[in-house]
């Protein structure tokens, strides 16, 4: 999730308009985003925004457990939305009959929007696909139902290179570095190779649904292929073409097609690596097992991790050797957001302040204009749960390595990388 914390954006989570069933909270399992052009073709609908005002379209945010839908939350949006792509920390979205290209946060709020010259201003614009490239950068493909797939620039919206003639393409998904598509009334699921503009129809999916085939989304962890179709259905398949779970109509029943769908993790990383430092400005991390108080820990922010987006209720401190042995956020006695320093230079350092005798105000040495998160863990909980009263290691001996785990508000896992260092992620026992 490559997001700079120097950018400020609106983060409004609209309340559920429709809730089908209770289940795990957003982001703790698989997360599937679903939209349809059903509302777009009638010029939008009326739905209530949380603090007044009227929305025009709906985005379903679906929690999945493998092929099982456990929760559906429907967000009312201020813009029309159908085809979508998971674009490395955000959604790209369009509309069927206009050349809008919108950048959308995972909570359904609009970040920005342009009129894209490379997208036709007529029916019907379908799914998009964001494809990272091995040498760096990415390609974004956009399907226009009547005739072609185009590569477009995701920033300017202009077309790049020649078009790829293909008709009736609606769904697009990235599966194990291959581009999979659907063709609507043909009811084809196929692999598309843009290097030669060829389609290889996958026969195991032929005739499996009576309805026309729409959007595609791929769950790379559970290896479930979600297929949208007319009638408002989404259906889970395995790669053998078997239906492996109940079909669901997340936006209700209607005659049109689910033609916008993407799975969080198809492109966006499912985990973000974090850097931590126990007792920042101390090396080794001296620790009195018999004393009270707190054990401070710094979680460094970076271009990859916006610490302000960490859901503090999900933070856990765990043993690296057994990440099921943890203390949870109830053991936190304080949290502070502050620019402590630069993880490339300051992790494990013993000195990180400007010397106040120089006449300068005391401050951190290597501040990088990126906020860090300071956590204060209850020492008693650290000792009792993680160190078994410190009996497992002796005086002047390093403890087991500790890690932090958490979720962002978008449901992406944050986990620190162990370095096994008593100045970083271990403590140094000072007493018997």
Protein backbone atom coordinates (compact mmCIF):
# COMPACT_ATOMS: atom_id res chain seq x y z
CA UNK A 1 0.00 0.00 0.00
CA UNK A 2 2.25 2.79 -1.24
CA UNK A 3 0.69 5.85 0.35
CA UNK A 4 2.58 8.92 1.45
CA UNK A 5 1.46 10.39 4.73
CA UNK A 6 2.15 13.86 3.38
CA UNK A 7 -1.12 13.55 1.49
CA UNK A 8 -4.34 14.11 3.41
CA UNK A 9 -7.52 12.50 2.21
CA UNK A 10 -11.07 12.08 3.42
CA UNK A 11 -11.76 8.79 5.19
CA UNK A 12 -15.53 8.52 5.71
CA UNK A 13 -16.98 5.09 6.26
CA UNK A 14 -20.60 5.27 5.26
CA UNK A 15 -22.96 3.19 7.40
CA UNK A 16 -24.47 0.00 6.04
CA UNK A 17 -27.65 0.49 4.07
CA UNK A 18 -28.15 -3.26 3.67
CA UNK A 19 -26.75 -5.89 6.03
CA UNK A 20 -27.38 -9.48 5.06
CA UNK A 21 -25.70 -11.40 7.84
CA UNK A 22 -23.48 -10.90 10.85
CA UNK A 23 -19.87 -11.96 10.46
CA UNK A 24 -16.27 -10.95 10.80
CA UNK A 25 -15.49 -7.25 10.58
CA UNK A 26 -14.28 -5.60 7.41
CA UNK A 27 -10.77 -6.60 6.46
CA UNK A 28 -10.26 -9.46 8.95
CA UNK A 29 -10.99 -12.02 6.25
CA UNK A 30 -11.16 -11.66 2.47
CA UNK A 31 -12.66 -8.42 1.17
CA UNK A 32 -14.53 -8.30 -2.12
CA UNK A 33 -15.79 -5.08 -3.75
CA UNK A 34 -18.85 -5.32 -6.01
CA UNK A 35 -20.71 -2.82 -8.19
CA UNK A 36 -23.18 -2.85 -11.08
CA UNK A 37 -24.26 -0.54 -13.89
CA UNK A 38 -27.90 -1.18 -12.95
CA UNK A 39 -28.11 2.22 -11.24
CA UNK A 40 -26.01 3.98 -13.88
CA UNK A 41 -28.39 3.22 -16.75
CA UNK A 42 -31.27 4.91 -14.92
CA UNK A 43 -29.18 7.96 -14.08
CA UNK A 44 -28.48 7.00 -10.49
CA UNK A 45 -30.61 6.28 -7.47
CA UNK A 46 -31.47 8.07 -4.25
CA UNK A 47 -29.67 6.86 -1.14
CA UNK A 48 -28.88 8.64 2.10
CA UNK A 49 -25.38 9.74 3.03
CA UNK A 50 -24.53 9.60 6.75
CA UNK A 51 -24.50 13.32 7.49
CA UNK A 52 -27.22 14.45 5.12
CA UNK A 53 -27.21 14.71 1.37
CA UNK A 54 -28.08 12.25 -1.33
CA UNK A 55 -25.97 9.56 -2.91
CA UNK A 56 -26.44 8.17 -6.41
CA UNK A 57 -24.96 4.67 -6.48
CA UNK A 58 -24.00 1.70 -4.32
CA UNK A 59 -20.79 -0.21 -3.63
CA UNK A 60 -20.99 -3.55 -1.83
CA UNK A 61 -18.09 -4.36 0.50
CA UNK A 62 -18.23 -8.09 1.13
CA UNK A 63 -16.37 -10.10 3.75
CA UNK A 64 -15.57 -13.63 2.62
CA UNK A 65 -14.27 -16.77 4.29
CA UNK A 66 -12.97 -18.70 1.29
CA UNK A 67 -16.05 -19.30 -0.91
CA UNK A 68 -18.49 -18.22 1.83
CA UNK A 69 -19.95 -14.71 2.11
CA UNK A 70 -20.05 -13.81 5.81
CA UNK A 71 -21.03 -10.15 5.65
CA UNK A 72 -22.28 -7.60 3.12
CA UNK A 73 -22.02 -3.88 3.77
CA UNK A 74 -23.47 -1.54 1.15
CA UNK A 75 -21.98 1.93 0.85
CA UNK A 76 -23.89 4.78 -0.73
CA UNK A 77 -21.54 6.73 -3.04
CA UNK A 78 -21.65 10.27 -4.39
CA UNK A 79 -20.60 9.09 -7.86
CA UNK A 80 -21.66 6.42 -10.36
CA UNK A 81 -19.58 3.27 -10.30
CA UNK A 82 -19.43 0.01 -12.23
CA UNK A 83 -16.10 -1.41 -13.55
CA UNK A 84 -13.31 -1.48 -10.94
CA UNK A 85 -9.68 -2.41 -10.40
CA UNK A 86 -7.60 -2.96 -7.27
CA UNK A 87 -4.80 -0.49 -7.95
CA UNK A 88 -2.20 -0.96 -5.21
CA UNK A 89 -3.84 0.77 -2.26
CA UNK A 90 -6.90 2.26 -3.93
CA UNK A 91 -9.65 1.47 -6.41
CA UNK A 92 -9.90 2.68 -9.99
CA UNK A 93 -13.52 2.92 -11.10
CA UNK A 94 -15.54 4.01 -14.11
CA UNK A 95 -19.08 4.40 -15.41
CA UNK A 96 -20.70 2.63 -18.38
CA UNK A 97 -21.67 5.49 -20.65
CA UNK A 98 -19.17 8.22 -19.78
CA UNK A 99 -15.39 8.51 -19.76
CA UNK A 100 -15.01 9.15 -16.04
CA UNK A 101 -11.94 7.65 -14.35
CA UNK A 102 -12.21 7.86 -10.57
CA UNK A 103 -9.74 7.05 -7.85
CA UNK A 104 -11.63 5.68 -4.85
CA UNK A 105 -10.57 4.84 -1.30
CA UNK A 106 -11.38 1.41 0.07
CA UNK A 107 -14.07 3.00 2.25
CA UNK A 108 -15.93 4.14 -0.87
CA UNK A 109 -14.98 7.82 -0.64
CA UNK A 110 -13.91 9.62 -3.80
CA UNK A 111 -10.23 10.65 -3.78
CA UNK A 112 -10.11 12.22 -7.25
CA UNK A 113 -11.65 12.00 -10.69
CA UNK A 114 -10.86 12.95 -14.27
CA UNK A 115 -12.42 12.68 -17.71
CA UNK A 116 -10.16 10.17 -19.43
CA UNK A 117 -9.44 10.80 -23.14
CA UNK A 118 -8.56 7.14 -23.64
CA UNK A 119 -11.93 5.87 -22.42
CA UNK A 120 -14.92 6.09 -24.79
CA UNK A 121 -17.65 8.51 -23.81
CA UNK A 122 -20.32 5.99 -24.80
CA UNK A 123 -21.66 2.60 -23.82
CA UNK A 124 -20.38 0.40 -22.53
CA UNK A 125 -17.30 0.81 -20.34
CA UNK A 126 -16.69 -2.33 -18.30
CA UNK A 127 -13.98 -3.56 -15.94
CA UNK A 128 -10.42 -2.30 -15.60
CA UNK A 129 -7.32 -4.21 -14.54
CA UNK A 130 -4.19 -2.88 -12.85
CA UNK A 131 -1.21 -5.10 -13.69
CA UNK A 132 2.17 -4.52 -11.97
CA UNK A 133 5.14 -5.13 -14.25
CA UNK A 134 8.16 -7.24 -13.34
CA UNK A 135 10.60 -4.45 -14.17
CA UNK A 136 8.63 -1.85 -12.24
CA UNK A 137 5.64 0.30 -13.09
CA UNK A 138 2.26 -1.00 -14.13
CA UNK A 139 -0.18 -1.31 -16.98
CA UNK A 140 -3.90 -0.53 -16.72
CA UNK A 141 -6.27 -2.23 -19.15
CA UNK A 142 -9.83 -1.06 -19.79
CA UNK A 143 -12.54 -3.08 -21.52
CA UNK A 144 -15.07 -1.43 -23.85
CA UNK A 145 -17.87 -3.92 -24.43
CA UNK A 146 -18.54 -3.38 -28.13
CA UNK A 147 -15.08 -3.63 -29.56
CA UNK A 148 -11.72 -3.34 -27.77
CA UNK A 149 -9.51 -3.51 -24.74
CA UNK A 150 -7.29 -0.46 -24.30
CA UNK A 151 -4.22 0.26 -22.22
CA UNK A 152 -4.65 3.61 -20.47
CA UNK A 153 -2.50 5.81 -18.29
CA UNK A 154 -4.04 5.69 -14.78
CA UNK A 155 -3.01 9.29 -14.03
CA UNK A 156 -3.92 11.11 -17.26
CA UNK A 157 -6.44 8.65 -18.68
CA UNK A 158 -4.91 8.79 -22.16
CA UNK A 159 -4.66 5.68 -24.31
CA UNK A 160 -1.22 4.10 -24.57
CA UNK A 161 -0.37 2.38 -27.84
CA UNK A 162 -2.82 0.53 -30.07
CA UNK A 163 -6.16 -0.97 -29.10
CA UNK A 164 -6.73 -4.72 -28.77
CA UNK A 165 -9.82 -5.76 -30.74
CA UNK A 166 -11.98 -8.00 -28.54
CA UNK A 167 -15.75 -7.90 -28.22
CA UNK A 168 -18.16 -8.47 -25.31
CA UNK A 169 -15.40 -8.29 -22.68
CA UNK A 170 -16.89 -7.41 -19.28
CA UNK A 171 -14.83 -8.98 -16.48
CA UNK A 172 -11.05 -8.79 -15.94
CA UNK A 173 -8.92 -10.33 -13.18
CA UNK A 174 -5.24 -11.02 -12.56
CA UNK A 175 -4.71 -14.70 -11.70
CA UNK A 176 -1.18 -15.93 -11.11
CA UNK A 177 0.18 -13.19 -13.41
CA UNK A 178 -2.26 -14.10 -16.20
CA UNK A 179 -5.10 -11.84 -17.36
CA UNK A 180 -8.47 -13.58 -17.22
CA UNK A 181 -11.57 -12.10 -18.87
CA UNK A 182 -15.24 -12.85 -19.40
CA UNK A 183 -17.32 -12.40 -22.55
CA UNK A 184 -20.90 -11.53 -21.71
CA UNK A 185 -23.52 -13.31 -23.84
CA UNK A 186 -20.95 -15.88 -25.03
CA UNK A 187 -20.61 -16.97 -21.37
CA UNK A 188 -16.89 -17.43 -21.82
CA UNK A 189 -14.19 -17.32 -19.17
CA UNK A 190 -10.86 -16.99 -20.97
CA UNK A 191 -7.18 -16.12 -20.60
CA UNK A 192 -6.20 -13.06 -22.62
CA UNK A 193 -2.60 -12.58 -23.75
CA UNK A 194 -2.08 -8.91 -24.71
CA UNK A 195 1.31 -9.61 -26.32
CA UNK A 196 -0.47 -11.34 -29.22
CA UNK A 197 -4.07 -10.32 -28.43
CA UNK A 198 -5.18 -13.94 -28.19
CA UNK A 199 -7.95 -15.51 -26.10
CA UNK A 200 -7.82 -19.05 -24.70
CA UNK A 201 -11.30 -20.02 -23.57
CA UNK A 202 -11.33 -22.11 -20.37
CA UNK A 203 -13.80 -24.93 -21.12
CA UNK A 204 -14.35 -25.87 -17.47
CA UNK A 205 -16.44 -22.72 -17.01
CA UNK A 206 -18.62 -23.20 -20.10
CA UNK A 207 -22.34 -23.49 -19.40
CA UNK A 208 -21.98 -23.35 -15.62
CA UNK A 209 -24.40 -20.42 -15.25
CA UNK A 210 -27.60 -19.68 -17.14
CA UNK A 211 -27.03 -15.94 -16.86
CA UNK A 212 -24.66 -13.79 -18.91
CA UNK A 213 -21.12 -13.59 -17.49
CA UNK A 214 -19.99 -10.30 -15.94
CA UNK A 215 -17.24 -9.23 -13.55
CA UNK A 216 -14.34 -11.36 -12.30
CA UNK A 217 -12.38 -11.20 -9.03
CA UNK A 218 -9.61 -13.48 -7.77
CA UNK A 219 -8.91 -14.33 -4.13
CA UNK A 220 -5.19 -15.25 -4.27
CA UNK A 221 -5.06 -16.62 -0.72
CA UNK A 222 -8.03 -18.99 -0.85
CA UNK A 223 -7.78 -19.45 -4.65
CA UNK A 224 -11.43 -18.66 -5.24
CA UNK A 225 -12.61 -17.12 -8.51
CA UNK A 226 -15.69 -14.95 -8.03
CA UNK A 227 -17.86 -14.54 -11.13
CA UNK A 228 -20.53 -11.86 -11.44
CA UNK A 229 -23.50 -12.39 -13.71
CA UNK A 230 -26.83 -10.94 -14.77
CA UNK A 231 -29.59 -11.12 -12.20
CA UNK A 232 -27.23 -9.49 -9.67
CA UNK A 233 -25.47 -12.72 -8.71
CA UNK A 234 -21.91 -13.41 -7.60
CA UNK A 235 -20.79 -17.06 -7.61
CA UNK A 236 -17.62 -18.66 -6.15
CA UNK A 237 -15.71 -21.14 -8.33
CA UNK A 238 -12.54 -23.16 -7.98
CA UNK A 239 -10.16 -23.36 -10.91
CA UNK A 240 -11.66 -26.67 -12.00
CA UNK A 241 -14.85 -24.76 -12.82
CA UNK A 242 -16.86 -26.12 -9.88
CA UNK A 243 -19.27 -23.91 -7.96
CA UNK A 244 -17.98 -24.22 -4.39
CA UNK A 245 -20.33 -22.03 -2.37
CA UNK A 246 -23.74 -20.40 -2.26
CA UNK A 247 -24.56 -17.77 -4.86
CA UNK A 248 -25.37 -14.33 -3.42
CA UNK A 249 -27.15 -11.20 -4.69
CA UNK A 250 -25.26 -8.59 -2.65
CA UNK A 251 -27.11 -5.63 -4.17
CA UNK A 252 -30.44 -7.42 -4.42
CA UNK A 253 -32.12 -8.99 -7.42
CA UNK A 254 -32.22 -7.08 -10.72
CA UNK A 255 -32.09 -7.87 -14.42
CA UNK A 256 -28.75 -6.24 -15.15
CA UNK A 257 -25.25 -7.56 -14.51
CA UNK A 258 -22.68 -7.42 -11.75
CA UNK A 259 -19.98 -5.91 -13.94
CA UNK A 260 -17.64 -4.34 -11.41
CA UNK A 261 -15.74 -6.55 -8.98
CA UNK A 262 -12.28 -6.74 -7.44
CA UNK A 263 -10.71 -8.57 -4.52
CA UNK A 264 -8.51 -6.82 -2.00
CA UNK A 265 -5.18 -8.61 -2.39
CA UNK A 266 -5.47 -9.31 -6.11
CA UNK A 267 -2.98 -6.45 -6.50
CA UNK A 268 -2.83 -4.58 -3.17
CA UNK A 269 -0.38 -6.21 -0.74
CA UNK A 270 -2.07 -8.28 1.94
CA UNK A 271 0.66 -7.32 4.42
CA UNK A 272 2.81 -4.27 5.08
CA UNK A 273 6.25 -4.74 6.62
CA UNK A 274 6.87 -2.50 9.62
CA UNK A 275 10.03 -1.50 11.46
CA UNK A 276 9.95 -1.29 15.26
CA UNK A 277 12.36 -0.28 18.02
CA UNK A 278 11.80 -1.13 21.68
CA UNK A 279 12.95 1.71 23.95
CA UNK A 280 13.90 4.08 21.13
CA UNK A 281 17.18 5.84 22.04
CA UNK A 282 18.39 2.85 24.05
CA UNK A 283 20.80 0.06 23.09
CA UNK A 284 20.68 -2.47 24.57
CA UNK A 285 17.08 -2.29 25.70
CA UNK A 286 17.59 -2.59 29.46
CA UNK A 287 14.59 -4.13 31.20
CA UNK A 288 13.85 -4.73 34.89
CA UNK A 289 11.47 -7.67 35.06
CA UNK A 290 10.59 -6.86 38.67
CA UNK A 291 9.70 -3.24 38.07
CA UNK A 292 6.37 -1.74 37.08
CA UNK A 293 5.49 0.84 34.50
CA UNK A 294 5.51 0.49 30.72
CA UNK A 295 7.74 -0.78 27.93
CA UNK A 296 7.88 1.82 25.15
CA UNK A 297 8.04 0.78 21.51
CA UNK A 298 8.25 2.85 18.34
CA UNK A 299 6.56 1.73 15.12
CA UNK A 300 8.19 3.70 12.32
CA UNK A 301 6.10 5.20 9.58
CA UNK A 302 7.33 5.06 6.01
CA UNK A 303 6.17 5.55 2.42
CA UNK A 304 4.68 2.05 2.68
CA UNK A 305 3.07 2.49 6.11
CA UNK A 306 0.90 5.38 7.22
CA UNK A 307 0.80 4.78 10.98
CA UNK A 308 -2.26 7.02 11.31
CA UNK A 309 -4.16 4.35 9.35
CA UNK A 310 -3.39 1.60 11.89
CA UNK A 311 -6.53 0.48 13.72
CA UNK A 312 -5.21 0.77 17.29
CA UNK A 313 -7.79 -1.69 18.58
CA UNK A 314 -6.13 -4.45 16.53
CA UNK A 315 -2.53 -3.95 17.67
CA UNK A 316 -0.87 -7.00 19.25
CA UNK A 317 2.60 -7.61 20.68
CA UNK A 318 3.67 -11.21 20.03
CA UNK A 319 6.56 -13.62 20.19
CA UNK A 320 8.24 -13.86 16.78
CA UNK A 321 8.72 -17.58 17.36
CA UNK A 322 4.99 -18.11 18.04
CA UNK A 323 2.80 -15.30 16.80
CA UNK A 324 -0.23 -16.79 18.56
CA UNK A 325 1.33 -15.90 21.93
CA UNK A 326 0.42 -12.22 22.19
CA UNK A 327 -0.88 -9.43 24.33
CA UNK A 328 -3.56 -7.33 22.70
CA UNK A 329 -4.45 -3.64 22.64
CA UNK A 330 -5.95 -3.83 26.14
CA UNK A 331 -2.32 -3.89 27.39
CA UNK A 332 -1.56 -0.51 25.80
CA UNK A 333 -1.30 2.29 28.35
CA UNK A 334 -0.66 5.09 25.90
CA UNK A 335 -0.27 5.80 22.17
CA UNK A 336 1.34 8.87 20.61
CA UNK A 337 1.82 9.92 16.98
CA UNK A 338 5.08 11.82 16.59
CA UNK A 339 7.97 12.09 14.14
CA UNK A 340 10.67 10.22 16.07
CA UNK A 341 13.16 9.63 13.33
CA UNK A 342 14.17 7.68 10.27
CA UNK A 343 14.06 3.86 10.40
CA UNK A 344 16.99 3.66 7.97
CA UNK A 345 19.30 5.40 10.46
CA UNK A 346 17.74 5.29 13.92
CA UNK A 347 16.68 1.70 14.65
CA UNK A 348 18.72 0.35 17.54
CA UNK A 349 20.56 3.60 18.13
CA UNK A 350 21.66 4.60 21.64
CA UNK A 351 21.61 8.33 20.99
CA UNK A 352 18.84 10.05 19.06
CA UNK A 353 18.52 13.55 20.53
CA UNK A 354 20.14 16.86 19.67
CA UNK A 355 22.31 17.75 22.66
CA UNK A 356 20.38 20.47 24.53
CA UNK A 357 23.68 22.06 25.72
CA UNK A 358 24.17 23.42 22.18
CA UNK A 359 21.38 25.87 22.83
CA UNK A 360 18.99 24.17 20.44
CA UNK A 361 15.69 22.88 21.65
CA UNK A 362 15.99 19.18 22.41
CA UNK A 363 14.61 17.22 19.47
CA UNK A 364 15.14 13.97 17.60
CA UNK A 365 18.19 13.76 15.36
CA UNK A 366 16.86 12.36 12.10
CA UNK A 367 13.25 13.40 11.76
CA UNK A 368 11.96 12.58 8.28
CA UNK A 369 8.61 14.47 8.25
CA UNK A 370 6.76 11.15 8.58
CA UNK A 371 4.89 10.40 11.78
CA UNK A 372 5.79 7.34 13.83
CA UNK A 373 3.64 5.56 16.41
CA UNK A 374 4.81 5.29 20.00
CA UNK A 375 3.22 2.43 21.96
CA UNK A 376 3.48 2.02 25.74
CA UNK A 377 2.91 -1.62 26.75
CA UNK A 378 2.10 -2.59 30.33
CA UNK A 379 5.33 -4.21 31.60
CA UNK A 380 3.44 -6.63 33.84
CA UNK A 381 1.56 -8.04 30.83
CA UNK A 382 4.77 -8.27 28.82
CA UNK A 383 6.43 -10.25 31.61
CA UNK A 384 3.49 -12.46 32.58
CA UNK A 385 2.31 -13.41 29.09
CA UNK A 386 5.35 -13.18 26.85
CA UNK A 387 8.28 -13.92 29.15
CA UNK A 388 6.78 -16.29 31.72
CA UNK A 389 8.00 -14.09 34.60
CA UNK A 390 11.38 -13.78 32.87
CA UNK A 391 12.35 -17.27 34.02
CA UNK A 392 13.21 -18.33 30.47
CA UNK A 393 16.30 -16.13 30.22
CA UNK A 394 18.96 -15.03 32.67
CA UNK A 395 20.47 -11.77 33.84
CA UNK A 396 22.27 -9.82 31.11
CA UNK A 397 20.70 -12.11 28.52
CA UNK A 398 18.53 -11.16 25.55
CA UNK A 399 14.85 -12.07 25.58
CA UNK A 400 12.95 -13.83 22.81
CA UNK A 401 12.31 -11.58 19.81
CA UNK A 402 9.07 -9.60 19.77
CA UNK A 403 6.95 -8.46 16.83
CA UNK A 404 3.86 -6.31 16.44
CA UNK A 405 0.81 -7.23 14.39
CA UNK A 406 -2.10 -4.97 13.47
CA UNK A 407 -4.64 -4.14 10.77
CA UNK A 408 -5.04 -0.87 8.93
CA UNK A 409 -8.45 0.71 8.70
CA UNK A 410 -8.54 -0.73 5.15
CA UNK A 411 -8.02 -4.22 6.54
CA UNK A 412 -4.42 -4.73 5.41
CA UNK A 413 -2.20 -6.60 7.87
CA UNK A 414 0.80 -4.78 9.35
CA UNK A 415 3.56 -6.99 10.78
CA UNK A 416 7.09 -6.14 11.88
CA UNK A 417 10.08 -7.97 10.49
CA UNK A 418 12.20 -9.70 13.16
CA UNK A 419 15.85 -8.64 13.38
CA UNK A 420 16.74 -10.54 16.61
CA UNK A 421 18.66 -7.67 18.21
CA UNK A 422 18.64 -6.64 21.94
CA UNK A 423 18.84 -3.02 20.81
CA UNK A 424 15.80 -3.36 18.54
CA UNK A 425 13.21 -6.08 19.09
CA UNK A 426 14.56 -7.92 22.15
CA UNK A 427 14.97 -6.68 25.72
CA UNK A 428 18.10 -7.03 27.86
CA UNK A 429 17.37 -8.44 31.29
CA UNK A 430 18.95 -6.34 34.06
CA UNK A 431 17.85 -8.30 37.16
CA UNK A 432 17.85 -11.93 38.28
